[in-house]
All heavy atoms as atom14 arrays in JSON, in Angstrom:
{
  "sequence": "IGQERVDGVNAAADALIAGGHPENAAVAEWKDALNEAWADLLEL",
  "atom14_mask": [
    [1, 1, 1, 1, 1, 1, 1, 1, 0, 0, 0, 0, 0, 0],
    [1, 1, 1, 1, 0, 0, 0, 0, 0, 0, 0, 0, 0, 0],
    [1, 1, 1, 1, 1, 1, 1, 1, 1, 0, 0, 0, 0, 0],
    [1, 1, 1, 1, 1, 1, 1, 1, 1, 0, 0, 0, 0, 0],
    [1, 1, 1, 1, 1, 1, 1, 1, 1, 1, 1, 0, 0, 0],
    [1, 1, 1, 1, 1, 1, 1, 0, 0, 0, 0, 0, 0, 0],
    [1, 1, 1, 1, 1, 1, 1, 1, 0, 0, 0, 0, 0, 0],
    [1, 1, 1, 1, 0, 0, 0, 0, 0, 0, 0, 0, 0, 0],
    [1, 1, 1, 1, 1, 1, 1, 0, 0, 0, 0, 0, 0, 0],
    [1, 1, 1, 1, 1, 1, 1, 1, 0, 0, 0, 0, 0, 0],
    [1, 1, 1, 1, 1, 0, 0, 0, 0, 0, 0, 0, 0, 0],
    [1, 1, 1, 1, 1, 0, 0, 0, 0, 0, 0, 0, 0, 0],
    [1, 1, 1, 1, 1, 0, 0, 0, 0, 0, 0, 0, 0, 0],
    [1, 1, 1, 1, 1, 1, 1, 1, 0, 0, 0, 0, 0, 0],
    [1, 1, 1, 1, 1, 0, 0, 0, 0, 0, 0, 0, 0, 0],
    [1, 1, 1, 1, 1, 1, 1, 1, 0, 0, 0, 0, 0, 0],
    [1, 1, 1, 1, 1, 1, 1, 1, 0, 0, 0, 0, 0, 0],
    [1, 1, 1, 1, 1, 0, 0, 0, 0, 0, 0, 0, 0, 0],
    [1, 1, 1, 1, 0, 0, 0, 0, 0, 0, 0, 0, 0, 0],
    [1, 1, 1, 1, 0, 0, 0, 0, 0, 0, 0, 0, 0, 0],
    [1, 1, 1, 1, 1, 1, 1, 1, 1, 1, 0, 0, 0, 0],
    [1, 1, 1, 1, 1, 1, 1, 0, 0, 0, 0, 0, 0, 0],
    [1, 1, 1, 1, 1, 1, 1, 1, 1, 0, 0, 0, 0, 0],
    [1, 1, 1, 1, 1, 1, 1, 1, 0, 0, 0, 0, 0, 0],
    [1, 1, 1, 1, 1, 0, 0, 0, 0, 0, 0, 0, 0, 0],
    [1, 1, 1, 1, 1, 0, 0, 0, 0, 0, 0, 0, 0, 0],
    [1, 1, 1, 1, 1, 1, 1, 0, 0, 0, 0, 0, 0, 0],
    [1, 1, 1, 1, 1, 0, 0, 0, 0, 0, 0, 0, 0, 0],
    [1, 1, 1, 1, 1, 1, 1, 1, 1, 0, 0, 0, 0, 0],
    [1, 1, 1, 1, 1, 1, 1, 1, 1, 1, 1, 1, 1, 1],
    [1, 1, 1, 1, 1, 1, 1, 1, 1, 0, 0, 0, 0, 0],
    [1, 1, 1, 1, 1, 1, 1, 1, 0, 0, 0, 0, 0, 0],
    [1, 1, 1, 1, 1, 0, 0, 0, 0, 0, 0, 0, 0, 0],
    [1, 1, 1, 1, 1, 1, 1, 1, 0, 0, 0, 0, 0, 0],
    [1, 1, 1, 1, 1, 1, 1, 1, 0, 0, 0, 0, 0, 0],
    [1, 1, 1, 1, 1, 1, 1, 1, 1, 0, 0, 0, 0, 0],
    [1, 1, 1, 1, 1, 0, 0, 0, 0, 0, 0, 0, 0, 0],
    [1, 1, 1, 1, 1, 1, 1, 1, 1, 1, 1, 1, 1, 1],
    [1, 1, 1, 1, 1, 0, 0, 0, 0, 0, 0, 0, 0, 0],
    [1, 1, 1, 1, 1, 1, 1, 1, 0, 0, 0, 0, 0, 0],
    [1, 1, 1, 1, 1, 1, 1, 1, 0, 0, 0, 0, 0, 0],
    [1, 1, 1, 1, 1, 1, 1, 1, 0, 0, 0, 0, 0, 0],
    [1, 1, 1, 1, 1, 1, 1, 1, 1, 0, 0, 0, 0, 0],
    [1, 1, 1, 1, 1, 1, 1, 1, 0, 0, 0, 0, 0, 0]
  ],
  "atom14_positions": [
    [[0.81, -1.2, 0.0], [0.01, -0.06, 0.03], [0.87, 1.26, -0.02], [0.65, 2.22, -0.71], [-0.99, 0.0, 1.26], [-1.93, -1.15, 1.2], [-1.68, 1.29, 1.39], [-2.77, -1.33, 2.39], [0.0, 0.0, 0.0], [0.0, 0.0, 0.0], [0.0, 0.0, 0.0], [0.0, 0.0, 0.0], [0.0, 0.0, 0.0], [0.0, 0.0, 0.0]],
    [[1.88, 1.23, 0.83], [2.74, 2.38, 0.97], [3.55, 2.67, -0.26], [3.63, 3.82, -0.78], [0.0, 0.0, 0.0], [0.0, 0.0, 0.0], [0.0, 0.0, 0.0], [0.0, 0.0, 0.0], [0.0, 0.0, 0.0], [0.0, 0.0, 0.0], [0.0, 0.0, 0.0], [0.0, 0.0, 0.0], [0.0, 0.0, 0.0], [0.0, 0.0, 0.0]],
    [[4.01, 1.67, -1.05], [4.76, 1.8, -2.25], [3.86, 2.43, -3.33], [4.28, 3.38, -4.1], [5.37, 0.59, -2.78], [6.27, 0.79, -3.82], [7.5, 1.44, -3.55], [8.26, 1.21, -2.61], [7.74, 2.65, -4.27], [0.0, 0.0, 0.0], [0.0, 0.0, 0.0], [0.0, 0.0, 0.0], [0.0, 0.0, 0.0], [0.0, 0.0, 0.0]],
    [[2.53, 2.02, -3.42], [1.61, 2.58, -4.29], [1.38, 4.09, -4.06], [1.31, 4.82, -5.02], [0.29, 1.75, -4.21], [-0.68, 2.22, -5.25], [-2.0, 1.26, -5.06], [-1.94, 0.24, -4.56], [-2.96, 1.73, -5.63], [0.0, 0.0, 0.0], [0.0, 0.0, 0.0], [0.0, 0.0, 0.0], [0.0, 0.0, 0.0], [0.0, 0.0, 0.0]],
    [[1.25, 4.33, -2.67], [1.02, 5.82, -2.39], [2.24, 6.67, -2.79], [2.08, 7.87, -3.24], [0.57, 5.9, -1.04], [-0.79, 5.15, -0.76], [-1.14, 5.3, 0.73], [-1.41, 6.61, 1.13], [-1.78, 6.97, 2.35], [-1.92, 6.1, 3.37], [-2.18, 8.3, 2.61], [0.0, 0.0, 0.0], [0.0, 0.0, 0.0], [0.0, 0.0, 0.0]],
    [[3.44, 6.08, -2.44], [4.62, 6.87, -2.65], [4.84, 7.1, -4.11], [5.18, 8.16, -4.59], [5.88, 6.17, -1.94], [7.2, 6.84, -2.45], [5.74, 6.11, -0.51], [0.0, 0.0, 0.0], [0.0, 0.0, 0.0], [0.0, 0.0, 0.0], [0.0, 0.0, 0.0], [0.0, 0.0, 0.0], [0.0, 0.0, 0.0], [0.0, 0.0, 0.0]],
    [[4.61, 6.04, -4.92], [4.66, 6.18, -6.34], [3.7, 7.2, -6.83], [4.13, 7.93, -7.82], [4.38, 4.8, -7.05], [5.44, 3.83, -6.82], [6.6, 4.25, -6.35], [5.2, 2.58, -7.03], [0.0, 0.0, 0.0], [0.0, 0.0, 0.0], [0.0, 0.0, 0.0], [0.0, 0.0, 0.0], [0.0, 0.0, 0.0], [0.0, 0.0, 0.0]],
    [[2.52, 7.37, -6.28], [1.58, 8.24, -6.79], [2.0, 9.67, -6.44], [1.99, 10.56, -7.38], [0.0, 0.0, 0.0], [0.0, 0.0, 0.0], [0.0, 0.0, 0.0], [0.0, 0.0, 0.0], [0.0, 0.0, 0.0], [0.0, 0.0, 0.0], [0.0, 0.0, 0.0], [0.0, 0.0, 0.0], [0.0, 0.0, 0.0], [0.0, 0.0, 0.0]],
    [[2.49, 9.95, -5.26], [3.09, 11.22, -4.92], [4.31, 11.49, -5.73], [4.45, 12.66, -6.28], [3.48, 11.23, -3.45], [4.17, 12.62, -3.08], [2.19, 11.22, -2.61], [0.0, 0.0, 0.0], [0.0, 0.0, 0.0], [0.0, 0.0, 0.0], [0.0, 0.0, 0.0], [0.0, 0.0, 0.0], [0.0, 0.0, 0.0], [0.0, 0.0, 0.0]],
    [[5.27, 10.59, -6.08], [6.28, 10.9, -6.91], [5.93, 11.24, -8.3], [6.54, 12.17, -8.92], [7.23, 9.57, -6.94], [8.16, 9.45, -5.74], [8.46, 10.5, -5.1], [8.46, 8.31, -5.38], [0.0, 0.0, 0.0], [0.0, 0.0, 0.0], [0.0, 0.0, 0.0], [0.0, 0.0, 0.0], [0.0, 0.0, 0.0], [0.0, 0.0, 0.0]],
    [[4.93, 10.53, -8.82], [4.43, 10.85, -10.14], [3.78, 12.32, -10.16], [4.06, 13.01, -11.14], [3.37, 9.83, -10.56], [0.0, 0.0, 0.0], [0.0, 0.0, 0.0], [0.0, 0.0, 0.0], [0.0, 0.0, 0.0], [0.0, 0.0, 0.0], [0.0, 0.0, 0.0], [0.0, 0.0, 0.0], [0.0, 0.0, 0.0], [0.0, 0.0, 0.0]],
    [[3.14, 12.72, -9.06], [2.55, 14.06, -9.1], [3.71, 14.97, -8.99], [3.56, 16.15, -9.6], [1.66, 14.21, -7.85], [0.0, 0.0, 0.0], [0.0, 0.0, 0.0], [0.0, 0.0, 0.0], [0.0, 0.0, 0.0], [0.0, 0.0, 0.0], [0.0, 0.0, 0.0], [0.0, 0.0, 0.0], [0.0, 0.0, 0.0], [0.0, 0.0, 0.0]],
    [[4.74, 14.81, -8.04], [5.91, 15.71, -8.07], [6.6, 15.78, -9.48], [6.86, 17.02, -9.94], [6.86, 15.17, -7.12], [0.0, 0.0, 0.0], [0.0, 0.0, 0.0], [0.0, 0.0, 0.0], [0.0, 0.0, 0.0], [0.0, 0.0, 0.0], [0.0, 0.0, 0.0], [0.0, 0.0, 0.0], [0.0, 0.0, 0.0], [0.0, 0.0, 0.0]],
    [[6.76, 14.67, -10.12], [7.47, 14.77, -11.41], [6.63, 15.6, -12.46], [7.13, 16.27, -13.18], [7.62, 13.32, -11.97], [8.58, 12.66, -11.12], [9.53, 13.3, -10.52], [8.69, 11.38, -11.2], [0.0, 0.0, 0.0], [0.0, 0.0, 0.0], [0.0, 0.0, 0.0], [0.0, 0.0, 0.0], [0.0, 0.0, 0.0], [0.0, 0.0, 0.0]],
    [[5.34, 15.43, -12.38], [4.35, 16.18, -13.23], [4.48, 17.74, -12.94], [4.58, 18.52, -13.9], [2.96, 15.7, -13.05], [0.0, 0.0, 0.0], [0.0, 0.0, 0.0], [0.0, 0.0, 0.0], [0.0, 0.0, 0.0], [0.0, 0.0, 0.0], [0.0, 0.0, 0.0], [0.0, 0.0, 0.0], [0.0, 0.0, 0.0], [0.0, 0.0, 0.0]],
    [[4.53, 18.17, -11.77], [4.66, 19.46, -11.38], [5.97, 20.08, -11.82], [6.0, 21.17, -12.42], [4.54, 19.69, -9.88], [3.16, 19.49, -9.22], [3.19, 19.53, -7.77], [2.16, 20.49, -9.73], [0.0, 0.0, 0.0], [0.0, 0.0, 0.0], [0.0, 0.0, 0.0], [0.0, 0.0, 0.0], [0.0, 0.0, 0.0], [0.0, 0.0, 0.0]],
    [[7.13, 19.25, -11.62], [8.41, 19.73, -12.02], [8.47, 19.93, -13.54], [9.01, 20.79, -14.12], [9.46, 18.76, -11.51], [9.51, 18.87, -9.93], [10.75, 19.17, -12.11], [10.44, 17.79, -9.37], [0.0, 0.0, 0.0], [0.0, 0.0, 0.0], [0.0, 0.0, 0.0], [0.0, 0.0, 0.0], [0.0, 0.0, 0.0], [0.0, 0.0, 0.0]],
    [[7.95, 18.9, -14.28], [7.96, 18.85, -15.65], [7.06, 19.99, -16.32], [7.35, 20.5, -17.32], [7.43, 17.5, -16.25], [0.0, 0.0, 0.0], [0.0, 0.0, 0.0], [0.0, 0.0, 0.0], [0.0, 0.0, 0.0], [0.0, 0.0, 0.0], [0.0, 0.0, 0.0], [0.0, 0.0, 0.0], [0.0, 0.0, 0.0], [0.0, 0.0, 0.0]],
    [[6.07, 20.43, -15.5], [5.18, 21.42, -15.94], [5.63, 22.86, -15.63], [5.03, 23.81, -15.96], [0.0, 0.0, 0.0], [0.0, 0.0, 0.0], [0.0, 0.0, 0.0], [0.0, 0.0, 0.0], [0.0, 0.0, 0.0], [0.0, 0.0, 0.0], [0.0, 0.0, 0.0], [0.0, 0.0, 0.0], [0.0, 0.0, 0.0], [0.0, 0.0, 0.0]],
    [[6.83, 22.94, -15.09], [7.46, 24.19, -14.82], [6.83, 24.95, -13.65], [6.62, 26.21, -13.7], [0.0, 0.0, 0.0], [0.0, 0.0, 0.0], [0.0, 0.0, 0.0], [0.0, 0.0, 0.0], [0.0, 0.0, 0.0], [0.0, 0.0, 0.0], [0.0, 0.0, 0.0], [0.0, 0.0, 0.0], [0.0, 0.0, 0.0], [0.0, 0.0, 0.0]],
    [[6.34, 24.29, -12.69], [5.71, 24.84, -11.53], [6.71, 25.73, -10.73], [7.86, 25.55, -10.71], [5.28, 23.7, -10.46], [4.35, 24.25, -9.4], [4.84, 24.97, -8.16], [3.03, 24.21, -9.33], [3.89, 25.18, -7.55], [2.73, 24.83, -8.09], [0.0, 0.0, 0.0], [0.0, 0.0, 0.0], [0.0, 0.0, 0.0], [0.0, 0.0, 0.0]],
    [[6.14, 27.02, -10.32], [7.08, 27.94, -9.84], [7.74, 27.51, -8.52], [8.81, 28.13, -8.12], [6.17, 29.19, -9.52], [4.83, 28.65, -9.5], [4.78, 27.4, -10.48], [0.0, 0.0, 0.0], [0.0, 0.0, 0.0], [0.0, 0.0, 0.0], [0.0, 0.0, 0.0], [0.0, 0.0, 0.0], [0.0, 0.0, 0.0], [0.0, 0.0, 0.0]],
    [[7.18, 26.52, -7.77], [7.92, 26.03, -6.52], [8.55, 24.69, -6.9], [8.6, 23.74, -6.07], [6.81, 25.72, -5.55], [6.01, 27.02, -5.05], [6.98, 27.95, -4.34], [7.93, 27.49, -3.8], [6.68, 29.1, -4.32], [0.0, 0.0, 0.0], [0.0, 0.0, 0.0], [0.0, 0.0, 0.0], [0.0, 0.0, 0.0], [0.0, 0.0, 0.0]],
    [[9.22, 24.53, -8.08], [9.85, 23.28, -8.47], [10.89, 22.89, -7.45], [10.92, 21.62, -7.12], [10.66, 23.5, -9.77], [9.75, 23.29, -10.95], [8.48, 22.91, -10.75], [10.15, 23.58, -12.1], [0.0, 0.0, 0.0], [0.0, 0.0, 0.0], [0.0, 0.0, 0.0], [0.0, 0.0, 0.0], [0.0, 0.0, 0.0], [0.0, 0.0, 0.0]],
    [[11.67, 23.73, -6.91], [12.7, 23.4, -5.9], [12.12, 22.85, -4.7], [12.57, 21.83, -4.06], [13.5, 24.64, -5.67], [0.0, 0.0, 0.0], [0.0, 0.0, 0.0], [0.0, 0.0, 0.0], [0.0, 0.0, 0.0], [0.0, 0.0, 0.0], [0.0, 0.0, 0.0], [0.0, 0.0, 0.0], [0.0, 0.0, 0.0], [0.0, 0.0, 0.0]],
    [[11.09, 23.51, -4.18], [10.41, 22.99, -2.94], [9.75, 21.65, -3.21], [9.82, 20.75, -2.4], [9.41, 23.98, -2.56], [0.0, 0.0, 0.0], [0.0, 0.0, 0.0], [0.0, 0.0, 0.0], [0.0, 0.0, 0.0], [0.0, 0.0, 0.0], [0.0, 0.0, 0.0], [0.0, 0.0, 0.0], [0.0, 0.0, 0.0], [0.0, 0.0, 0.0]],
    [[9.12, 21.4, -4.35], [8.47, 20.14, -4.76], [9.51, 19.12, -4.68], [9.43, 18.0, -4.28], [7.78, 20.24, -6.12], [7.27, 18.87, -6.61], [6.5, 21.19, -6.01], [0.0, 0.0, 0.0], [0.0, 0.0, 0.0], [0.0, 0.0, 0.0], [0.0, 0.0, 0.0], [0.0, 0.0, 0.0], [0.0, 0.0, 0.0], [0.0, 0.0, 0.0]],
    [[10.76, 19.37, -5.41], [11.83, 18.37, -5.48], [12.25, 18.05, -4.04], [12.67, 16.84, -3.78], [13.01, 18.94, -6.37], [0.0, 0.0, 0.0], [0.0, 0.0, 0.0], [0.0, 0.0, 0.0], [0.0, 0.0, 0.0], [0.0, 0.0, 0.0], [0.0, 0.0, 0.0], [0.0, 0.0, 0.0], [0.0, 0.0, 0.0], [0.0, 0.0, 0.0]],
    [[12.42, 19.0, -3.14], [12.87, 18.75, -1.75], [11.93, 17.92, -1.08], [12.28, 16.93, -0.38], [13.03, 20.11, -1.1], [14.33, 20.76, -1.43], [14.48, 22.18, -0.77], [13.74, 22.32, 0.27], [15.39, 22.89, -1.1], [0.0, 0.0, 0.0], [0.0, 0.0, 0.0], [0.0, 0.0, 0.0], [0.0, 0.0, 0.0], [0.0, 0.0, 0.0]],
    [[10.62, 18.22, -1.31], [9.63, 17.31, -0.52], [9.63, 15.94, -1.05], [9.39, 14.99, -0.27], [8.23, 17.97, -0.75], [7.87, 19.06, 0.22], [7.98, 20.33, -0.01], [7.54, 18.84, 1.59], [7.59, 21.12, 1.23], [7.37, 20.16, 2.19], [7.2, 17.81, 2.39], [7.07, 20.39, 3.51], [6.96, 18.08, 3.72], [6.81, 19.22, 4.26]],
    [[9.83, 15.75, -2.38], [9.82, 14.47, -2.94], [11.04, 13.6, -2.45], [10.86, 12.5, -2.06], [9.99, 14.6, -4.46], [10.16, 13.25, -5.2], [10.46, 13.46, -6.69], [10.7, 12.1, -7.36], [11.11, 12.25, -8.86], [0.0, 0.0, 0.0], [0.0, 0.0, 0.0], [0.0, 0.0, 0.0], [0.0, 0.0, 0.0], [0.0, 0.0, 0.0]],
    [[12.23, 14.33, -2.3], [13.35, 13.65, -1.83], [13.26, 13.3, -0.35], [13.61, 12.19, 0.09], [14.61, 14.47, -1.83], [15.0, 14.69, -3.42], [14.62, 13.87, -4.2], [15.78, 15.66, -3.7], [0.0, 0.0, 0.0], [0.0, 0.0, 0.0], [0.0, 0.0, 0.0], [0.0, 0.0, 0.0], [0.0, 0.0, 0.0], [0.0, 0.0, 0.0]],
    [[12.59, 14.19, 0.41], [12.39, 14.02, 1.81], [11.41, 12.73, 2.02], [11.57, 11.92, 2.95], [11.89, 15.19, 2.55], [0.0, 0.0, 0.0], [0.0, 0.0, 0.0], [0.0, 0.0, 0.0], [0.0, 0.0, 0.0], [0.0, 0.0, 0.0], [0.0, 0.0, 0.0], [0.0, 0.0, 0.0], [0.0, 0.0, 0.0], [0.0, 0.0, 0.0]],
    [[10.34, 12.72, 1.17], [9.4, 11.6, 1.17], [10.02, 10.27, 1.03], [9.79, 9.3, 1.62], [8.25, 11.89, 0.3], [7.12, 10.83, 0.17], [6.45, 10.61, 1.45], [6.24, 11.11, -1.08], [0.0, 0.0, 0.0], [0.0, 0.0, 0.0], [0.0, 0.0, 0.0], [0.0, 0.0, 0.0], [0.0, 0.0, 0.0], [0.0, 0.0, 0.0]],
    [[10.77, 10.27, -0.15], [11.48, 8.91, -0.55], [12.45, 8.47, 0.51], [12.6, 7.3, 0.81], [12.12, 9.12, -1.89], [11.08, 9.22, -3.07], [10.12, 8.45, -3.07], [11.31, 10.08, -3.9], [0.0, 0.0, 0.0], [0.0, 0.0, 0.0], [0.0, 0.0, 0.0], [0.0, 0.0, 0.0], [0.0, 0.0, 0.0], [0.0, 0.0, 0.0]],
    [[13.15, 9.49, 1.1], [13.97, 9.14, 2.29], [13.38, 8.5, 3.38], [13.78, 7.52, 3.98], [14.84, 10.37, 2.56], [16.02, 10.07, 3.7], [16.83, 11.2, 3.95], [16.72, 12.22, 3.18], [17.59, 11.21, 5.0], [0.0, 0.0, 0.0], [0.0, 0.0, 0.0], [0.0, 0.0, 0.0], [0.0, 0.0, 0.0], [0.0, 0.0, 0.0]],
    [[12.24, 9.24, 3.79], [11.47, 8.66, 4.91], [10.88, 7.29, 4.63], [10.81, 6.38, 5.5], [10.25, 9.58, 5.23], [0.0, 0.0, 0.0], [0.0, 0.0, 0.0], [0.0, 0.0, 0.0], [0.0, 0.0, 0.0], [0.0, 0.0, 0.0], [0.0, 0.0, 0.0], [0.0, 0.0, 0.0], [0.0, 0.0, 0.0], [0.0, 0.0, 0.0]],
    [[10.45, 7.05, 3.41], [9.82, 5.8, 2.99], [10.99, 4.69, 2.95], [10.75, 3.57, 3.49], [9.17, 5.86, 1.59], [8.76, 4.56, 1.06], [9.13, 3.89, -0.13], [7.81, 3.64, 1.62], [8.53, 2.81, -0.32], [7.52, 2.65, 0.74], [6.97, 3.9, 2.71], [6.67, 1.66, 0.95], [5.99, 2.86, 3.03], [5.91, 1.77, 2.13]],
    [[12.16, 5.05, 2.55], [13.27, 4.13, 2.61], [13.65, 3.76, 4.08], [13.94, 2.58, 4.41], [14.48, 4.67, 1.94], [0.0, 0.0, 0.0], [0.0, 0.0, 0.0], [0.0, 0.0, 0.0], [0.0, 0.0, 0.0], [0.0, 0.0, 0.0], [0.0, 0.0, 0.0], [0.0, 0.0, 0.0], [0.0, 0.0, 0.0], [0.0, 0.0, 0.0]],
    [[13.57, 4.72, 5.01], [13.84, 4.5, 6.35], [12.79, 3.53, 7.03], [13.1, 2.69, 7.76], [13.91, 5.68, 7.14], [15.06, 6.56, 6.81], [16.08, 6.07, 6.35], [15.01, 7.85, 7.11], [0.0, 0.0, 0.0], [0.0, 0.0, 0.0], [0.0, 0.0, 0.0], [0.0, 0.0, 0.0], [0.0, 0.0, 0.0], [0.0, 0.0, 0.0]],
    [[11.57, 3.77, 6.66], [10.47, 3.04, 7.17], [10.64, 1.46, 6.55], [10.49, 0.49, 7.49], [9.18, 3.5, 6.71], [7.9, 2.66, 7.27], [7.91, 2.67, 8.75], [6.59, 3.41, 6.68], [0.0, 0.0, 0.0], [0.0, 0.0, 0.0], [0.0, 0.0, 0.0], [0.0, 0.0, 0.0], [0.0, 0.0, 0.0], [0.0, 0.0, 0.0]],
    [[10.96, 1.37, 5.32], [11.17, -0.07, 4.85], [12.29, -0.79, 5.59], [12.17, -1.85, 5.81], [11.34, 0.03, 3.27], [10.29, 0.33, 2.35], [10.7, 0.5, 0.92], [9.16, -0.69, 2.54], [0.0, 0.0, 0.0], [0.0, 0.0, 0.0], [0.0, 0.0, 0.0], [0.0, 0.0, 0.0], [0.0, 0.0, 0.0], [0.0, 0.0, 0.0]],
    [[13.33, 0.0, 5.74], [14.51, -0.63, 6.51], [14.16, -0.95, 7.95], [14.55, -2.0, 8.5], [15.62, 0.46, 6.49], [16.92, -0.1, 7.15], [18.06, 0.81, 7.07], [17.94, 1.99, 6.46], [19.13, 0.48, 7.66], [0.0, 0.0, 0.0], [0.0, 0.0, 0.0], [0.0, 0.0, 0.0], [0.0, 0.0, 0.0], [0.0, 0.0, 0.0]],
    [[13.24, -0.17, 8.66], [12.86, -0.52, 9.95], [11.99, -1.7, 9.94], [12.22, -2.6, 10.85], [12.06, 0.74, 10.4], [11.46, 0.47, 11.94], [12.59, 0.38, 12.9], [10.56, 1.71, 12.3], [0.0, 0.0, 0.0], [0.0, 0.0, 0.0], [0.0, 0.0, 0.0], [0.0, 0.0, 0.0], [0.0, 0.0, 0.0], [0.0, 0.0, 0.0]]
  ]
}
């Protein structure tokens, strides 16, 4: 379930970045933070 939700958020972030959203940098940071947290949870 978590991987499906993370993939969905990543896809939304990629779409925002690809669309030239004015907060591209913030979106990328949130995406990286989310993936890092997910990796930590999987490791736990």
